[in-house]
Amino acid sequence: MRIEIRGREVGVTAALTEHVERRLRFALGRFATKVRRATVRLSDANGPRGGVDKLCRIAVTMPRFQPMVIEDTASDLYAAIDRASDRASRVVERQLSRSRNRHPVPALDTGEAA
């Protein structure tokens, strides 16, 4: 799984990068073989004015699926990252579960009569 981090109006520091990578690897680690890429965009809508305007947008790309985009806004960027990562895990799990339910595996024929 490749993780790409971009910032707009936000300085992407080493500490911020480490936090994003740690949270995403924890949230999506069990899907690492299925997730091709996770692109994280961090932004500050209001700039220096403050307020609940720190945005974390995570786009998860998996083969055979449309990209999934998860967004969260908070006054603290770390909180937005945490919540978006948790939601990304649930969205990927739900998508994979739906995929398995649409294409059930046929039962094996054991040759025994019922």
PDB file of N, CA and C in Angstrom:
ATOM      1  N   MET A   1       0.859  -1.170   0.000  1.00  0.00           N
ATOM      2  CA  MET A   1       0.000   0.000   0.000  1.00  0.00           C
ATOM      3  C   MET A   1       0.906   1.235   0.000  1.00  0.00           C
ATOM      4  N   ARG A   2       0.661   2.090  -0.963  1.00  0.00           N
ATOM      5  CA  ARG A   2       1.411   3.337  -1.055  1.00  0.00           C
ATOM      6  C   ARG A   2       0.603   4.457  -0.412  1.00  0.00           C
ATOM      7  N   ILE A   3       1.253   5.262   0.415  1.00  0.00           N
ATOM      8  CA  ILE A   3       0.583   6.394   1.065  1.00  0.00           C
ATOM      9  C   ILE A   3       1.213   7.673   0.541  1.00  0.00           C
ATOM     10  N   GLU A   4       0.363   8.541   0.044  1.00  0.00           N
ATOM     11  CA  GLU A   4       0.799   9.826  -0.497  1.00  0.00           C
ATOM     12  C   GLU A   4       0.143  10.924   0.334  1.00  0.00           C
ATOM     13  N   ILE A   5       0.935  11.888   0.793  1.00  0.00           N
ATOM     14  CA  ILE A   5       0.415  12.946   1.657  1.00  0.00           C
ATOM     15  C   ILE A   5       0.676  14.293   1.000  1.00  0.00           C
ATOM     16  N   ARG A   6      -0.366  15.098   0.907  1.00  0.00           N
ATOM     17  CA  ARG A   6      -0.258  16.432   0.320  1.00  0.00           C
ATOM     18  C   ARG A   6      -0.909  17.440   1.246  1.00  0.00           C
ATOM     19  N   GLY A   7      -0.341  18.634   1.292  1.00  0.00           N
ATOM     20  CA  GLY A   7      -0.896  19.689   2.130  1.00  0.00           C
ATOM     21  C   GLY A   7      -1.210  20.929   1.324  1.00  0.00           C
ATOM     22  N   ARG A   8      -2.320  21.562   1.651  1.00  0.00           N
ATOM     23  CA  ARG A   8      -2.709  22.821   1.021  1.00  0.00           C
ATOM     24  C   ARG A   8      -3.030  23.797   2.141  1.00  0.00           C
ATOM     25  N   GLU A   9      -2.290  24.870   2.210  1.00  0.00           N
ATOM     26  CA  GLU A   9      -2.434  25.843   3.292  1.00  0.00           C
ATOM     27  C   GLU A   9      -2.019  25.256   4.642  1.00  0.00           C
ATOM     28  N   VAL A  10      -1.371  24.075   4.604  1.00  0.00           N
ATOM     29  CA  VAL A  10      -0.930  23.396   5.827  1.00  0.00           C
ATOM     30  C   VAL A  10       0.497  22.913   5.579  1.00  0.00           C
ATOM     31  N   GLY A  11       1.368  23.201   6.513  1.00  0.00           N
ATOM     32  CA  GLY A  11       2.732  22.687   6.407  1.00  0.00           C
ATOM     33  C   GLY A  11       2.758  21.226   6.821  1.00  0.00           C
ATOM     34  N   VAL A  12       3.202  20.362   5.911  1.00  0.00           N
ATOM     35  CA  VAL A  12       3.268  18.939   6.203  1.00  0.00           C
ATOM     36  C   VAL A  12       4.632  18.658   6.836  1.00  0.00           C
ATOM     37  N   THR A  13       4.634  18.602   8.157  1.00  0.00           N
ATOM     38  CA  THR A  13       5.870  18.392   8.911  1.00  0.00           C
ATOM     39  C   THR A  13       6.184  16.900   9.007  1.00  0.00           C
ATOM     40  N   ALA A  14       7.380  16.594   9.475  1.00  0.00           N
ATOM     41  CA  ALA A  14       7.768  15.190   9.668  1.00  0.00           C
ATOM     42  C   ALA A  14       6.857  14.519  10.688  1.00  0.00           C
ATOM     43  N   ALA A  15       6.498  15.238  11.753  1.00  0.00           N
ATOM     44  CA  ALA A  15       5.617  14.677  12.785  1.00  0.00           C
ATOM     45  C   ALA A  15       4.223  14.395  12.220  1.00  0.00           C
ATOM     46  N   LEU A  16       3.730  15.295  11.401  1.00  0.00           N
ATOM     47  CA  LEU A  16       2.415  15.116  10.786  1.00  0.00           C
ATOM     48  C   LEU A  16       2.437  13.933   9.816  1.00  0.00           C
ATOM     49  N   THR A  17       3.487  13.832   9.027  1.00  0.00           N
ATOM     50  CA  THR A  17       3.635  12.718   8.088  1.00  0.00           C
ATOM     51  C   THR A  17       3.678  11.391   8.840  1.00  0.00           C
ATOM     52  N   GLU A  18       4.432  11.336   9.919  1.00  0.00           N
ATOM     53  CA  GLU A  18       4.538  10.113  10.720  1.00  0.00           C
ATOM     54  C   GLU A  18       3.180   9.734  11.310  1.00  0.00           C
ATOM     55  N   HIS A  19       2.444  10.739  11.791  1.00  0.00           N
ATOM     56  CA  HIS A  19       1.122  10.472  12.372  1.00  0.00           C
ATOM     57  C   HIS A  19       0.176   9.909  11.315  1.00  0.00           C
ATOM     58  N   VAL A  20       0.137  10.519  10.142  1.00  0.00           N
ATOM     59  CA  VAL A  20      -0.745  10.057   9.066  1.00  0.00           C
ATOM     60  C   VAL A  20      -0.399   8.625   8.685  1.00  0.00           C
ATOM     61  N   GLU A  21       0.880   8.359   8.466  1.00  0.00           N
ATOM     62  CA  GLU A  21       1.287   7.017   8.060  1.00  0.00           C
ATOM     63  C   GLU A  21       0.974   5.978   9.128  1.00  0.00           C
ATOM     64  N   ARG A  22       1.221   6.305  10.399  1.00  0.00           N
ATOM     65  CA  ARG A  22       0.942   5.369  11.483  1.00  0.00           C
ATOM     66  C   ARG A  22      -0.557   5.071  11.568  1.00  0.00           C
ATOM     67  N   ARG A  23      -1.383   6.123  11.501  1.00  0.00           N
ATOM     68  CA  ARG A  23      -2.838   5.925  11.605  1.00  0.00           C
ATOM     69  C   ARG A  23      -3.389   5.131  10.420  1.00  0.00           C
ATOM     70  N   LEU A  24      -2.915   5.440   9.208  1.00  0.00           N
ATOM     71  CA  LEU A  24      -3.423   4.718   8.039  1.00  0.00           C
ATOM     72  C   LEU A  24      -2.954   3.271   8.019  1.00  0.00           C
ATOM     73  N   ARG A  25      -1.714   3.030   8.389  1.00  0.00           N
ATOM     74  CA  ARG A  25      -1.226   1.643   8.416  1.00  0.00           C
ATOM     75  C   ARG A  25      -1.987   0.839   9.474  1.00  0.00           C
ATOM     76  N   PHE A  26      -2.335   1.478  10.580  1.00  0.00           N
ATOM     77  CA  PHE A  26      -3.127   0.797  11.602  1.00  0.00           C
ATOM     78  C   PHE A  26      -4.543   0.541  11.087  1.00  0.00           C
ATOM     79  N   ALA A  27      -5.161   1.549  10.478  1.00  0.00           N
ATOM     80  CA  ALA A  27      -6.554   1.443  10.033  1.00  0.00           C
ATOM     81  C   ALA A  27      -6.713   0.527   8.825  1.00  0.00           C
ATOM     82  N   LEU A  28      -5.767   0.586   7.886  1.00  0.00           N
ATOM     83  CA  LEU A  28      -5.905  -0.162   6.636  1.00  0.00           C
ATOM     84  C   LEU A  28      -4.930  -1.321   6.520  1.00  0.00           C
ATOM     85  N   GLY A  29      -4.155  -1.574   7.554  1.00  0.00           N
ATOM     86  CA  GLY A  29      -3.128  -2.605   7.490  1.00  0.00           C
ATOM     87  C   GLY A  29      -3.649  -3.977   7.119  1.00  0.00           C
ATOM     88  N   ARG A  30      -4.794  -4.350   7.638  1.00  0.00           N
ATOM     89  CA  ARG A  30      -5.322  -5.689   7.331  1.00  0.00           C
ATOM     90  C   ARG A  30      -5.819  -5.795   5.894  1.00  0.00           C
ATOM     91  N   PHE A  31      -5.968  -4.650   5.227  1.00  0.00           N
ATOM     92  CA  PHE A  31      -6.370  -4.642   3.822  1.00  0.00           C
ATOM     93  C   PHE A  31      -5.194  -4.297   2.906  1.00  0.00           C
ATOM     94  N   ALA A  32      -3.977  -4.337   3.433  1.00  0.00           N
ATOM     95  CA  ALA A  32      -2.796  -3.867   2.699  1.00  0.00           C
ATOM     96  C   ALA A  32      -2.616  -4.572   1.360  1.00  0.00           C
ATOM     97  N   THR A  33      -3.006  -5.839   1.271  1.00  0.00           N
ATOM     98  CA  THR A  33      -2.855  -6.551   0.000  1.00  0.00           C
ATOM     99  C   THR A  33      -3.912  -6.122  -1.018  1.00  0.00           C
ATOM    100  N   LYS A  34      -4.983  -5.535  -0.550  1.00  0.00           N
ATOM    101  CA  LYS A  34      -6.060  -5.112  -1.448  1.00  0.00           C
ATOM    102  C   LYS A  34      -6.006  -3.632  -1.801  1.00  0.00           C
ATOM    103  N   VAL A  35      -5.496  -2.814  -0.888  1.00  0.00           N
ATOM    104  CA  VAL A  35      -5.437  -1.370  -1.116  1.00  0.00           C
ATOM    105  C   VAL A  35      -4.168  -1.051  -1.898  1.00  0.00           C
ATOM    106  N   ARG A  36      -4.342  -0.429  -3.043  1.00  0.00           N
ATOM    107  CA  ARG A  36      -3.202  -0.064  -3.878  1.00  0.00           C
ATOM    108  C   ARG A  36      -2.565   1.227  -3.383  1.00  0.00           C
ATOM    109  N   ARG A  37      -3.414   2.227  -3.095  1.00  0.00           N
ATOM    110  CA  ARG A  37      -2.895   3.544  -2.718  1.00  0.00           C
ATOM    111  C   ARG A  37      -3.892   4.259  -1.834  1.00  0.00           C
ATOM    112  N   ALA A  38      -3.340   5.071  -0.919  1.00  0.00           N
ATOM    113  CA  ALA A  38      -4.153   5.964  -0.094  1.00  0.00           C
ATOM    114  C   ALA A  38      -3.541   7.356  -0.241  1.00  0.00           C
ATOM    115  N   THR A  39      -4.325   8.276  -0.779  1.00  0.00           N
ATOM    116  CA  THR A  39      -3.866   9.653  -0.959  1.00  0.00           C
ATOM    117  C   THR A  39      -4.539  10.513   0.097  1.00  0.00           C
ATOM    118  N   VAL A  40      -3.722  11.203   0.896  1.00  0.00           N
ATOM    119  CA  VAL A  40      -4.231  12.034   1.983  1.00  0.00           C
ATOM    120  C   VAL A  40      -3.980  13.491   1.632  1.00  0.00           C
ATOM    121  N   ARG A  41      -5.036  14.291   1.666  1.00  0.00           N
ATOM    122  CA  ARG A  41      -4.916  15.730   1.416  1.00  0.00           C
ATOM    123  C   ARG A  41      -5.335  16.460   2.678  1.00  0.00           C
ATOM    124  N   LEU A  42      -4.443  17.279   3.156  1.00  0.00           N
ATOM    125  CA  LEU A  42      -4.698  18.049   4.365  1.00  0.00           C
ATOM    126  C   LEU A  42      -4.812  19.514   3.983  1.00  0.00           C
ATOM    127  N   SER A  43      -5.828  20.186   4.503  1.00  0.00           N
ATOM    128  CA  SER A  43      -5.987  21.597   4.164  1.00  0.00           C
ATOM    129  C   SER A  43      -6.598  22.364   5.331  1.00  0.00           C
ATOM    130  N   ASP A  44      -6.449  23.673   5.238  1.00  0.00           N
ATOM    131  CA  ASP A  44      -6.993  24.601   6.228  1.00  0.00           C
ATOM    132  C   ASP A  44      -7.854  25.594   5.462  1.00  0.00           C
ATOM    133  N   ALA A  45      -9.174  25.426   5.553  1.00  0.00           N
ATOM    134  CA  ALA A  45     -10.095  26.214   4.748  1.00  0.00           C
ATOM    135  C   ALA A  45     -10.067  27.703   5.084  1.00  0.00           C
ATOM    136  N   ASN A  46      -9.962  28.048   6.360  1.00  0.00           N
ATOM    137  CA  ASN A  46     -10.031  29.445   6.767  1.00  0.00           C
ATOM    138  C   ASN A  46      -8.672  30.116   6.925  1.00  0.00           C
ATOM    139  N   GLY A  47      -7.612  29.360   6.746  1.00  0.00           N
ATOM    140  CA  GLY A  47      -6.285  29.942   6.909  1.00  0.00           C
ATOM    141  C   GLY A  47      -6.045  30.377   8.342  1.00  0.00           C
ATOM    142  N   PRO A  48      -5.467  31.540   8.557  1.00  0.00           N
ATOM    143  CA  PRO A  48      -5.116  31.969   9.906  1.00  0.00           C
ATOM    144  C   PRO A  48      -6.304  32.416  10.765  1.00  0.00           C
ATOM    145  N   ARG A  49      -7.512  32.476  10.198  1.00  0.00           N
ATOM    146  CA  ARG A  49      -8.675  32.925  10.969  1.00  0.00           C
ATOM    147  C   ARG A  49      -9.092  31.941  12.044  1.00  0.00           C
ATOM    148  N   GLY A  50      -8.714  30.661  11.887  1.00  0.00           N
ATOM    149  CA  GLY A  50      -9.057  29.651  12.892  1.00  0.00           C
ATOM    150  C   GLY A  50     -10.442  29.090  12.694  1.00  0.00           C
ATOM    151  N   GLY A  51     -10.889  28.314  13.649  1.00  0.00           N
ATOM    152  CA  GLY A  51     -12.215  27.710  13.583  1.00  0.00           C
ATOM    153  C   GLY A  51     -12.143  26.245  13.195  1.00  0.00           C
ATOM    154  N   VAL A  52     -13.317  25.640  13.059  1.00  0.00           N
ATOM    155  CA  VAL A  52     -13.426  24.229  12.692  1.00  0.00           C
ATOM    156  C   VAL A  52     -13.259  24.137  11.186  1.00  0.00           C
ATOM    157  N   ASP A  53     -12.017  24.121  10.758  1.00  0.00           N
ATOM    158  CA  ASP A  53     -11.790  24.194   9.327  1.00  0.00           C
ATOM    159  C   ASP A  53     -10.617  23.361   8.840  1.00  0.00           C
ATOM    160  N   LYS A  54     -10.068  22.493   9.681  1.00  0.00           N
ATOM    161  CA  LYS A  54      -8.974  21.623   9.262  1.00  0.00           C
ATOM    162  C   LYS A  54      -9.608  20.410   8.600  1.00  0.00           C
ATOM    163  N   LEU A  55      -9.236  20.165   7.356  1.00  0.00           N
ATOM    164  CA  LEU A  55      -9.857  19.109   6.569  1.00  0.00           C
ATOM    165  C   LEU A  55      -8.853  18.020   6.255  1.00  0.00           C
ATOM    166  N   CYS A  56      -9.259  16.779   6.445  1.00  0.00           N
ATOM    167  CA  CYS A  56      -8.481  15.619   6.039  1.00  0.00           C
ATOM    168  C   CYS A  56      -9.335  14.841   5.046  1.00  0.00           C
ATOM    169  N   ARG A  57      -8.826  14.689   3.833  1.00  0.00           N
ATOM    170  CA  ARG A  57      -9.533  13.940   2.787  1.00  0.00           C
ATOM    171  C   ARG A  57      -8.649  12.759   2.403  1.00  0.00           C
ATOM    172  N   ILE A  58      -9.193  11.557   2.523  1.00  0.00           N
ATOM    173  CA  ILE A  58      -8.456  10.340   2.193  1.00  0.00           C
ATOM    174  C   ILE A  58      -9.140   9.680   1.006  1.00  0.00           C
ATOM    175  N   ALA A  59      -8.380   9.450  -0.053  1.00  0.00           N
ATOM    176  CA  ALA A  59      -8.876   8.723  -1.227  1.00  0.00           C
ATOM    177  C   ALA A  59      -8.183   7.365  -1.247  1.00  0.00           C
ATOM    178  N   VAL A  60      -8.974   6.305  -1.180  1.00  0.00           N
ATOM    179  CA  VAL A  60      -8.444   4.947  -1.168  1.00  0.00           C
ATOM    180  C   VAL A  60      -8.703   4.323  -2.531  1.00  0.00           C
ATOM    181  N   THR A  61      -7.640   3.798  -3.136  1.00  0.00           N
ATOM    182  CA  THR A  61      -7.745   3.184  -4.459  1.00  0.00           C
ATOM    183  C   THR A  61      -7.468   1.690  -4.343  1.00  0.00           C
ATOM    184  N   MET A  62      -8.424   0.886  -4.855  1.00  0.00           N
ATOM    185  CA  MET A  62      -8.274  -0.565  -4.870  1.00  0.00           C
ATOM    186  C   MET A  62      -8.605  -1.065  -6.269  1.00  0.00           C
ATOM    187  N   PRO A  63      -7.941  -2.118  -6.720  1.00  0.00           N
ATOM    188  CA  PRO A  63      -8.266  -2.673  -8.037  1.00  0.00           C
ATOM    189  C   PRO A  63      -9.728  -3.119  -8.092  1.00  0.00           C
ATOM    190  N   ARG A  64     -10.353  -2.943  -9.233  1.00  0.00           N
ATOM    191  CA  ARG A  64     -11.735  -3.350  -9.512  1.00  0.00           C
ATOM    192  C   ARG A  64     -12.795  -2.571  -8.750  1.00  0.00           C
ATOM    193  N   PHE A  65     -12.419  -1.495  -8.057  1.00  0.00           N
ATOM    194  CA  PHE A  65     -13.384  -0.678  -7.320  1.00  0.00           C
ATOM    195  C   PHE A  65     -13.201   0.782  -7.703  1.00  0.00           C
ATOM    196  N   GLN A  66     -14.262   1.542  -7.596  1.00  0.00           N
ATOM    197  CA  GLN A  66     -14.161   2.987  -7.755  1.00  0.00           C
ATOM    198  C   GLN A  66     -13.395   3.539  -6.554  1.00  0.00           C
ATOM    199  N   PRO A  67     -12.649   4.631  -6.732  1.00  0.00           N
ATOM    200  CA  PRO A  67     -11.956   5.219  -5.578  1.00  0.00           C
ATOM    201  C   PRO A  67     -12.962   5.629  -4.505  1.00  0.00           C
ATOM    202  N   MET A  68     -12.596   5.409  -3.248  1.00  0.00           N
ATOM    203  CA  MET A  68     -13.439   5.772  -2.120  1.00  0.00           C
ATOM    204  C   MET A  68     -12.839   7.009  -1.471  1.00  0.00           C
ATOM    205  N   VAL A  69     -13.655   8.029  -1.253  1.00  0.00           N
ATOM    206  CA  VAL A  69     -13.167   9.286  -0.684  1.00  0.00           C
ATOM    207  C   VAL A  69     -13.853   9.512   0.659  1.00  0.00           C
ATOM    208  N   ILE A  70     -13.034   9.728   1.672  1.00  0.00           N
ATOM    209  CA  ILE A  70     -13.521   9.955   3.027  1.00  0.00           C
ATOM    210  C   ILE A  70     -13.015  11.320   3.477  1.00  0.00           C
ATOM    211  N   GLU A  71     -13.885  12.139   4.040  1.00  0.00           N
ATOM    212  CA  GLU A  71     -13.507  13.471   4.512  1.00  0.00           C
ATOM    213  C   GLU A  71     -13.910  13.647   5.966  1.00  0.00           C
ATOM    214  N   ASP A  72     -13.103  14.424   6.665  1.00  0.00           N
ATOM    215  CA  ASP A  72     -13.469  14.796   8.027  1.00  0.00           C
ATOM    216  C   ASP A  72     -12.918  16.185   8.302  1.00  0.00           C
ATOM    217  N   THR A  73     -13.674  16.972   9.035  1.00  0.00           N
ATOM    218  CA  THR A  73     -13.276  18.325   9.394  1.00  0.00           C
ATOM    219  C   THR A  73     -13.286  18.463  10.904  1.00  0.00           C
ATOM    220  N   ALA A  74     -12.270  19.143  11.427  1.00  0.00           N
ATOM    221  CA  ALA A  74     -12.188  19.371  12.875  1.00  0.00           C
ATOM    222  C   ALA A  74     -11.364  20.622  13.116  1.00  0.00           C
ATOM    223  N   SER A  75     -11.378  21.101  14.355  1.00  0.00           N
ATOM    224  CA  SER A  75     -10.560  22.265  14.681  1.00  0.00           C
ATOM    225  C   SER A  75      -9.098  21.860  14.849  1.00  0.00           C
ATOM    226  N   ASP A  76      -8.849  20.569  15.114  1.00  0.00           N
ATOM    227  CA  ASP A  76      -7.498  20.043  15.256  1.00  0.00           C
ATOM    228  C   ASP A  76      -7.224  19.075  14.107  1.00  0.00           C
ATOM    229  N   LEU A  77      -6.137  19.283  13.388  1.00  0.00           N
ATOM    230  CA  LEU A  77      -5.815  18.459  12.229  1.00  0.00           C
ATOM    231  C   LEU A  77      -5.592  17.003  12.615  1.00  0.00           C
ATOM    232  N   TYR A  78      -4.973  16.765  13.750  1.00  0.00           N
ATOM    233  CA  TYR A  78      -4.727  15.388  14.189  1.00  0.00           C
ATOM    234  C   TYR A  78      -6.039  14.651  14.452  1.00  0.00           C
ATOM    235  N   ALA A  79      -7.021  15.334  15.015  1.00  0.00           N
ATOM    236  CA  ALA A  79      -8.333  14.720  15.257  1.00  0.00           C
ATOM    237  C   ALA A  79      -9.019  14.387  13.928  1.00  0.00           C
ATOM    238  N   ALA A  80      -8.915  15.283  12.958  1.00  0.00           N
ATOM    239  CA  ALA A  80      -9.510  15.030  11.644  1.00  0.00           C
ATOM    240  C   ALA A  80      -8.856  13.818  10.985  1.00  0.00           C
ATOM    241  N   ILE A  81      -7.552  13.693  11.118  1.00  0.00           N
ATOM    242  CA  ILE A  81      -6.829  12.547  10.555  1.00  0.00           C
ATOM    243  C   ILE A  81      -7.278  11.256  11.227  1.00  0.00           C
ATOM    244  N   ASP A  82      -7.378  11.272  12.546  1.00  0.00           N
ATOM    245  CA  ASP A  82      -7.790  10.078  13.294  1.00  0.00           C
ATOM    246  C   ASP A  82      -9.181   9.613  12.880  1.00  0.00           C
ATOM    247  N   ARG A  83     -10.125  10.537  12.837  1.00  0.00           N
ATOM    248  CA  ARG A  83     -11.501  10.170  12.491  1.00  0.00           C
ATOM    249  C   ARG A  83     -11.620   9.721  11.042  1.00  0.00           C
ATOM    250  N   ALA A  84     -10.946  10.395  10.135  1.00  0.00           N
ATOM    251  CA  ALA A  84     -11.000  10.008   8.720  1.00  0.00           C
ATOM    252  C   ALA A  84     -10.371   8.632   8.518  1.00  0.00           C
ATOM    253  N   SER A  85      -9.289   8.335   9.215  1.00  0.00           N
ATOM    254  CA  SER A  85      -8.639   7.027   9.111  1.00  0.00           C
ATOM    255  C   SER A  85      -9.563   5.917   9.600  1.00  0.00           C
ATOM    256  N   ASP A  86     -10.219   6.149  10.728  1.00  0.00           N
ATOM    257  CA  ASP A  86     -11.160   5.156  11.255  1.00  0.00           C
ATOM    258  C   ASP A  86     -12.302   4.915  10.272  1.00  0.00           C
ATOM    259  N   ARG A  87     -12.830   5.983   9.715  1.00  0.00           N
ATOM    260  CA  ARG A  87     -13.924   5.846   8.751  1.00  0.00           C
ATOM    261  C   ARG A  87     -13.450   5.144   7.485  1.00  0.00           C
ATOM    262  N   ALA A  88     -12.222   5.413   7.054  1.00  0.00           N
ATOM    263  CA  ALA A  88     -11.672   4.757   5.860  1.00  0.00           C
ATOM    264  C   ALA A  88     -11.632   3.245   6.055  1.00  0.00           C
ATOM    265  N   SER A  89     -11.242   2.813   7.241  1.00  0.00           N
ATOM    266  CA  SER A  89     -11.204   1.388   7.543  1.00  0.00           C
ATOM    267  C   SER A  89     -12.591   0.764   7.415  1.00  0.00           C
ATOM    268  N   ARG A  90     -13.590   1.434   7.968  1.00  0.00           N
ATOM    269  CA  ARG A  90     -14.962   0.908   7.901  1.00  0.00           C
ATOM    270  C   ARG A  90     -15.494   0.897   6.472  1.00  0.00           C
ATOM    271  N   VAL A  91     -15.170   1.926   5.699  1.00  0.00           N
ATOM    272  CA  VAL A  91     -15.646   2.008   4.311  1.00  0.00           C
ATOM    273  C   VAL A  91     -15.025   0.891   3.471  1.00  0.00           C
ATOM    274  N   VAL A  92     -13.733   0.665   3.619  1.00  0.00           N
ATOM    275  CA  VAL A  92     -13.062  -0.391   2.857  1.00  0.00           C
ATOM    276  C   VAL A  92     -13.615  -1.755   3.263  1.00  0.00           C
ATOM    277  N   GLU A  93     -13.788  -1.978   4.561  1.00  0.00           N
ATOM    278  CA  GLU A  93     -14.334  -3.246   5.034  1.00  0.00           C
ATOM    279  C   GLU A  93     -15.739  -3.482   4.464  1.00  0.00           C
ATOM    280  N   ARG A  94     -16.577  -2.460   4.477  1.00  0.00           N
ATOM    281  CA  ARG A  94     -17.946  -2.579   3.945  1.00  0.00           C
ATOM    282  C   ARG A  94     -17.921  -2.881   2.447  1.00  0.00           C
ATOM    283  N   GLN A  95     -17.050  -2.205   1.710  1.00  0.00           N
ATOM    284  CA  GLN A  95     -16.962  -2.409   0.266  1.00  0.00           C
ATOM    285  C   GLN A  95     -16.524  -3.845  -0.052  1.00  0.00           C
ATOM    286  N   LEU A  96     -15.535  -4.342   0.659  1.00  0.00           N
ATOM    287  CA  LEU A  96     -15.066  -5.710   0.430  1.00  0.00           C
ATOM    288  C   LEU A  96     -16.124  -6.729   0.825  1.00  0.00           C
ATOM    289  N   SER A  97     -16.858  -6.455   1.900  1.00  0.00           N
ATOM    290  CA  SER A  97     -17.924  -7.350   2.333  1.00  0.00           C
ATOM    291  C   SER A  97     -19.029  -7.415   1.281  1.00  0.00           C
ATOM    292  N   ARG A  98     -19.398  -6.283   0.740  1.00  0.00           N
ATOM    293  CA  ARG A  98     -20.418  -6.256  -0.317  1.00  0.00           C
ATOM    294  C   ARG A  98     -19.949  -7.022  -1.536  1.00  0.00           C
ATOM    295  N   SER A  99     -18.702  -6.885  -1.860  1.00  0.00           N
ATOM    296  CA  SER A  99     -18.139  -7.583  -3.017  1.00  0.00           C
ATOM    297  C   SER A  99     -18.194  -9.089  -2.827  1.00  0.00           C
ATOM    298  N   ARG A 100     -17.862  -9.560  -1.627  1.00  0.00           N
ATOM    299  CA  ARG A 100     -17.908 -11.003  -1.347  1.00  0.00           C
ATOM    300  C   ARG A 100     -19.340 -11.519  -1.402  1.00  0.00           C
ATOM    301  N   ASN A 101     -20.301 -10.740  -0.932  1.00  0.00           N
ATOM    302  CA  ASN A 101     -21.695 -11.175  -0.920  1.00  0.00           C
ATOM    303  C   ASN A 101     -22.302 -11.222  -2.313  1.00  0.00           C
ATOM    304  N   ARG A 102     -21.796 -10.405  -3.229  1.00  0.00           N
ATOM    305  CA  ARG A 102     -22.317 -10.410  -4.604  1.00  0.00           C
ATOM    306  C   ARG A 102     -21.829 -11.612  -5.393  1.00  0.00           C
ATOM    307  N   HIS A 103     -20.677 -12.123  -5.034  1.00  0.00           N
ATOM    308  CA  HIS A 103     -20.072 -13.220  -5.780  1.00  0.00           C
ATOM    309  C   HIS A 103     -19.793 -14.387  -4.828  1.00  0.00           C
ATOM    310  N   PRO A 104     -20.868 -15.075  -4.399  1.00  0.00           N
ATOM    311  CA  PRO A 104     -20.650 -16.169  -3.449  1.00  0.00           C
ATOM    312  C   PRO A 104     -19.849 -17.308  -4.088  1.00  0.00           C
ATOM    313  N   VAL A 105     -19.058 -17.964  -3.285  1.00  0.00           N
ATOM    314  CA  VAL A 105     -18.275 -19.103  -3.748  1.00  0.00           C
ATOM    315  C   VAL A 105     -19.200 -20.307  -3.786  1.00  0.00           C
ATOM    316  N   PRO A 106     -19.233 -21.041  -4.928  1.00  0.00           N
ATOM    317  CA  PRO A 106     -20.125 -22.197  -4.999  1.00  0.00           C
ATOM    318  C   PRO A 106     -19.681 -23.285  -4.026  1.00  0.00           C
ATOM    319  N   ALA A 107     -20.666 -24.018  -3.502  1.00  0.00           N
ATOM    320  CA  ALA A 107     -20.371 -25.102  -2.565  1.00  0.00           C
ATOM    321  C   ALA A 107     -19.681 -26.229  -3.305  1.00  0.00           C
ATOM    322  N   LEU A 108     -18.795 -26.903  -2.617  1.00  0.00           N
ATOM    323  CA  LEU A 108     -18.098 -28.047  -3.209  1.00  0.00           C
ATOM    324  C   LEU A 108     -19.024 -29.240  -3.267  1.00  0.00           C
ATOM    325  N   ASP A 109     -18.982 -29.974  -4.372  1.00  0.00           N
ATOM    326  CA  ASP A 109     -19.782 -31.193  -4.528  1.00  0.00           C
ATOM    327  C   ASP A 109     -18.963 -32.332  -3.971  1.00  0.00           C
ATOM    328  N   THR A 110     -19.408 -32.922  -2.877  1.00  0.00           N
ATOM    329  CA  THR A 110     -18.663 -34.014  -2.240  1.00  0.00           C
ATOM    330  C   THR A 110     -19.047 -35.376  -2.804  1.00  0.00           C
ATOM    331  N   GLY A 111     -20.049 -35.423  -3.634  1.00  0.00           N
ATOM    332  CA  GLY A 111     -20.461 -36.687  -4.247  1.00  0.00           C
ATOM    333  C   GLY A 111     -21.387 -37.510  -3.382  1.00  0.00           C
ATOM    334  N   GLU A 112     -21.694 -37.051  -2.190  1.00  0.00           N
ATOM    335  CA  GLU A 112     -22.584 -37.789  -1.298  1.00  0.00           C
ATOM    336  C   GLU A 112     -24.029 -37.395  -1.563  1.00  0.00           C
ATOM    337  N   ALA A 113     -24.914 -38.363  -1.502  1.00  0.00           N
ATOM    338  CA  ALA A 113     -26.337 -38.084  -1.681  1.00  0.00           C
ATOM    339  C   ALA A 113     -26.914 -37.613  -0.372  1.00  0.00           C
ATOM    340  N   ALA A 114     -27.857 -36.696  -0.456  1.00  0.00           N
ATOM    341  CA  ALA A 114     -28.462 -36.140   0.750  1.00  0.00           C
ATOM    342  C   ALA A 114     -29.538 -36.972   1.303  1.00  0.00           C
TER     343      ALA A 114
END
